[in-house]
Amino acid sequence: MTQRLILGPAVKALREAYGIKQSDLAIRCDITPGFLSNLEAGRKQPSPTKAREIAVQLGVPLDAVTYVIPGVDAA
């Protein structure tokens, strides 16, 4: 399986474009607002399951909020 990393600025831009508060998205994804803040700033990465949940809650495909690390397979 290919490893994906979440693109925090894309999450933030989509969240703001849809008018979703950071705390509301965090609740919907069952993560803390602090973790979401760190994720949007690029300081943290969610699990693959949480990355998918973030995409679902934003109503976008996983590819809209993640990128693949070429040549790296997930363990």
N, C-alpha and C. Protein backbone atom coordinates (compact mmCIF):
# COMPACT_ATOMS: atom_id res chain seq x y z
N MET A 1 0.85 -1.18 0.00
CA MET A 1 0.00 0.00 0.00
C MET A 1 0.89 1.24 0.00
N THR A 2 0.52 2.21 -0.77
CA THR A 2 1.28 3.45 -0.89
C THR A 2 1.02 4.33 0.33
N GLN A 3 2.08 4.96 0.80
CA GLN A 3 1.92 5.87 1.95
C GLN A 3 1.46 7.24 1.47
N ARG A 4 0.48 7.77 2.16
CA ARG A 4 -0.04 9.10 1.86
C ARG A 4 0.17 10.00 3.07
N LEU A 5 0.43 11.24 2.81
CA LEU A 5 0.50 12.24 3.87
C LEU A 5 -0.60 13.26 3.61
N ILE A 6 -1.14 13.77 4.69
CA ILE A 6 -2.20 14.77 4.55
C ILE A 6 -1.57 16.12 4.25
N LEU A 7 -2.23 16.87 3.42
CA LEU A 7 -1.78 18.20 3.05
C LEU A 7 -2.59 19.19 3.89
N GLY A 8 -2.00 19.58 5.03
CA GLY A 8 -2.69 20.42 6.00
C GLY A 8 -3.28 21.70 5.44
N PRO A 9 -2.51 22.46 4.64
CA PRO A 9 -3.09 23.69 4.09
C PRO A 9 -4.31 23.45 3.21
N ALA A 10 -4.37 22.30 2.53
CA ALA A 10 -5.54 21.99 1.72
C ALA A 10 -6.75 21.74 2.62
N VAL A 11 -6.53 21.03 3.73
CA VAL A 11 -7.61 20.79 4.68
C VAL A 11 -8.14 22.13 5.19
N LYS A 12 -7.23 23.00 5.58
CA LYS A 12 -7.64 24.31 6.11
C LYS A 12 -8.39 25.12 5.06
N ALA A 13 -7.87 25.15 3.83
CA ALA A 13 -8.51 25.93 2.77
C ALA A 13 -9.91 25.41 2.47
N LEU A 14 -10.06 24.10 2.40
CA LEU A 14 -11.38 23.52 2.14
C LEU A 14 -12.33 23.79 3.31
N ARG A 15 -11.84 23.58 4.51
CA ARG A 15 -12.67 23.82 5.69
C ARG A 15 -13.18 25.25 5.71
N GLU A 16 -12.28 26.19 5.48
CA GLU A 16 -12.67 27.60 5.48
C GLU A 16 -13.60 27.94 4.32
N ALA A 17 -13.33 27.36 3.14
CA ALA A 17 -14.18 27.62 1.98
C ALA A 17 -15.61 27.14 2.21
N TYR A 18 -15.76 26.05 2.95
CA TYR A 18 -17.08 25.52 3.25
C TYR A 18 -17.68 26.15 4.50
N GLY A 19 -16.95 27.05 5.14
CA GLY A 19 -17.47 27.74 6.32
C GLY A 19 -17.60 26.85 7.54
N ILE A 20 -16.72 25.85 7.64
CA ILE A 20 -16.76 24.93 8.78
C ILE A 20 -15.76 25.41 9.83
N LYS A 21 -16.21 25.54 11.05
CA LYS A 21 -15.31 25.92 12.13
C LYS A 21 -14.35 24.77 12.43
N GLN A 22 -13.15 25.13 12.84
CA GLN A 22 -12.14 24.13 13.16
C GLN A 22 -12.66 23.17 14.24
N SER A 23 -13.29 23.72 15.26
CA SER A 23 -13.80 22.87 16.34
C SER A 23 -14.89 21.93 15.85
N ASP A 24 -15.73 22.38 14.91
CA ASP A 24 -16.79 21.53 14.38
C ASP A 24 -16.22 20.37 13.57
N LEU A 25 -15.23 20.64 12.73
CA LEU A 25 -14.62 19.57 11.95
C LEU A 25 -13.92 18.59 12.87
N ALA A 26 -13.26 19.09 13.88
CA ALA A 26 -12.58 18.21 14.84
C ALA A 26 -13.58 17.26 15.50
N ILE A 27 -14.71 17.79 15.92
CA ILE A 27 -15.74 16.96 16.56
C ILE A 27 -16.25 15.90 15.58
N ARG A 28 -16.53 16.31 14.35
CA ARG A 28 -17.03 15.37 13.34
C ARG A 28 -16.03 14.24 13.07
N CYS A 29 -14.73 14.55 13.19
CA CYS A 29 -13.69 13.56 12.89
C CYS A 29 -13.17 12.85 14.14
N ASP A 30 -13.72 13.19 15.29
CA ASP A 30 -13.32 12.59 16.57
C ASP A 30 -11.83 12.80 16.85
N ILE A 31 -11.39 14.04 16.65
CA ILE A 31 -10.03 14.46 17.00
C ILE A 31 -10.14 15.76 17.78
N THR A 32 -9.07 16.14 18.45
CA THR A 32 -9.12 17.39 19.21
C THR A 32 -8.90 18.58 18.28
N PRO A 33 -9.45 19.75 18.65
CA PRO A 33 -9.19 20.94 17.86
C PRO A 33 -7.69 21.26 17.78
N GLY A 34 -6.96 20.98 18.86
CA GLY A 34 -5.51 21.22 18.85
C GLY A 34 -4.79 20.34 17.84
N PHE A 35 -5.22 19.07 17.74
CA PHE A 35 -4.62 18.17 16.77
C PHE A 35 -4.93 18.65 15.36
N LEU A 36 -6.17 19.07 15.11
CA LEU A 36 -6.55 19.57 13.79
C LEU A 36 -5.74 20.82 13.46
N SER A 37 -5.54 21.69 14.42
CA SER A 37 -4.73 22.89 14.20
C SER A 37 -3.30 22.51 13.79
N ASN A 38 -2.72 21.55 14.50
CA ASN A 38 -1.38 21.09 14.16
C ASN A 38 -1.35 20.40 12.80
N LEU A 39 -2.38 19.67 12.47
CA LEU A 39 -2.48 19.01 11.18
C LEU A 39 -2.53 20.05 10.06
N GLU A 40 -3.38 21.06 10.22
CA GLU A 40 -3.50 22.10 9.20
C GLU A 40 -2.20 22.88 9.03
N ALA A 41 -1.42 22.99 10.09
CA ALA A 41 -0.14 23.71 10.03
C ALA A 41 0.99 22.81 9.53
N GLY A 42 0.71 21.53 9.32
CA GLY A 42 1.73 20.62 8.82
C GLY A 42 2.63 20.04 9.88
N ARG A 43 2.27 20.20 11.14
CA ARG A 43 3.11 19.69 12.24
C ARG A 43 2.75 18.26 12.66
N LYS A 44 1.56 17.80 12.30
CA LYS A 44 1.10 16.46 12.68
C LYS A 44 0.50 15.77 11.46
N GLN A 45 0.46 14.44 11.54
CA GLN A 45 -0.18 13.62 10.51
C GLN A 45 -1.19 12.70 11.18
N PRO A 46 -2.38 12.54 10.58
CA PRO A 46 -3.36 11.62 11.14
C PRO A 46 -3.10 10.20 10.67
N SER A 47 -3.78 9.26 11.27
CA SER A 47 -3.75 7.88 10.78
C SER A 47 -4.44 7.86 9.41
N PRO A 48 -4.19 6.83 8.61
CA PRO A 48 -4.89 6.73 7.33
C PRO A 48 -6.41 6.74 7.49
N THR A 49 -6.91 6.12 8.54
CA THR A 49 -8.35 6.11 8.79
C THR A 49 -8.87 7.52 9.04
N LYS A 50 -8.14 8.29 9.85
CA LYS A 50 -8.57 9.66 10.15
C LYS A 50 -8.43 10.55 8.91
N ALA A 51 -7.42 10.32 8.09
CA ALA A 51 -7.27 11.10 6.86
C ALA A 51 -8.49 10.88 5.96
N ARG A 52 -8.93 9.62 5.84
CA ARG A 52 -10.14 9.33 5.06
C ARG A 52 -11.36 10.00 5.67
N GLU A 53 -11.46 9.97 7.00
CA GLU A 53 -12.61 10.59 7.67
C GLU A 53 -12.63 12.10 7.44
N ILE A 54 -11.48 12.73 7.48
CA ILE A 54 -11.40 14.17 7.21
C ILE A 54 -11.91 14.46 5.81
N ALA A 55 -11.46 13.68 4.83
CA ALA A 55 -11.92 13.87 3.45
C ALA A 55 -13.43 13.68 3.35
N VAL A 56 -13.94 12.63 3.98
CA VAL A 56 -15.39 12.37 3.96
C VAL A 56 -16.15 13.54 4.57
N GLN A 57 -15.70 14.02 5.72
CA GLN A 57 -16.40 15.11 6.40
C GLN A 57 -16.34 16.41 5.60
N LEU A 58 -15.29 16.57 4.80
CA LEU A 58 -15.20 17.76 3.95
C LEU A 58 -15.92 17.55 2.62
N GLY A 59 -16.32 16.30 2.34
CA GLY A 59 -17.05 16.01 1.11
C GLY A 59 -16.18 16.02 -0.13
N VAL A 60 -14.92 15.63 0.05
CA VAL A 60 -13.97 15.63 -1.07
C VAL A 60 -13.30 14.25 -1.17
N PRO A 61 -12.73 13.93 -2.32
CA PRO A 61 -11.98 12.67 -2.42
C PRO A 61 -10.70 12.74 -1.59
N LEU A 62 -10.22 11.59 -1.19
CA LEU A 62 -9.00 11.52 -0.40
C LEU A 62 -7.84 12.24 -1.09
N ASP A 63 -7.78 12.14 -2.41
CA ASP A 63 -6.70 12.80 -3.17
C ASP A 63 -6.71 14.32 -3.02
N ALA A 64 -7.84 14.90 -2.63
CA ALA A 64 -7.92 16.35 -2.49
C ALA A 64 -7.19 16.85 -1.24
N VAL A 65 -6.96 15.96 -0.27
CA VAL A 65 -6.33 16.40 0.98
C VAL A 65 -5.07 15.61 1.33
N THR A 66 -4.64 14.74 0.43
CA THR A 66 -3.43 13.96 0.69
C THR A 66 -2.56 13.94 -0.54
N TYR A 67 -1.32 13.51 -0.34
CA TYR A 67 -0.42 13.28 -1.46
C TYR A 67 0.38 12.01 -1.19
N VAL A 68 0.83 11.40 -2.25
CA VAL A 68 1.57 10.14 -2.16
C VAL A 68 3.05 10.44 -2.11
N ILE A 69 3.75 9.70 -1.25
CA ILE A 69 5.20 9.82 -1.19
C ILE A 69 5.76 8.82 -2.20
N PRO A 70 6.32 9.29 -3.29
CA PRO A 70 6.82 8.37 -4.31
C PRO A 70 7.88 7.42 -3.76
N GLY A 71 7.73 6.15 -4.11
CA GLY A 71 8.72 5.16 -3.73
C GLY A 71 8.66 4.68 -2.29
N VAL A 72 7.67 5.12 -1.53
CA VAL A 72 7.56 4.70 -0.14
C VAL A 72 6.26 3.92 0.03
N ASP A 73 6.38 2.71 0.53
CA ASP A 73 5.20 1.91 0.81
C ASP A 73 4.89 1.97 2.30
N ALA A 74 3.61 1.98 2.63
CA ALA A 74 3.20 1.98 4.03
C ALA A 74 3.53 0.61 4.63
N ALA A 75 3.85 0.61 5.91
CA ALA A 75 4.18 -0.64 6.57
C ALA A 75 2.95 -1.43 6.92
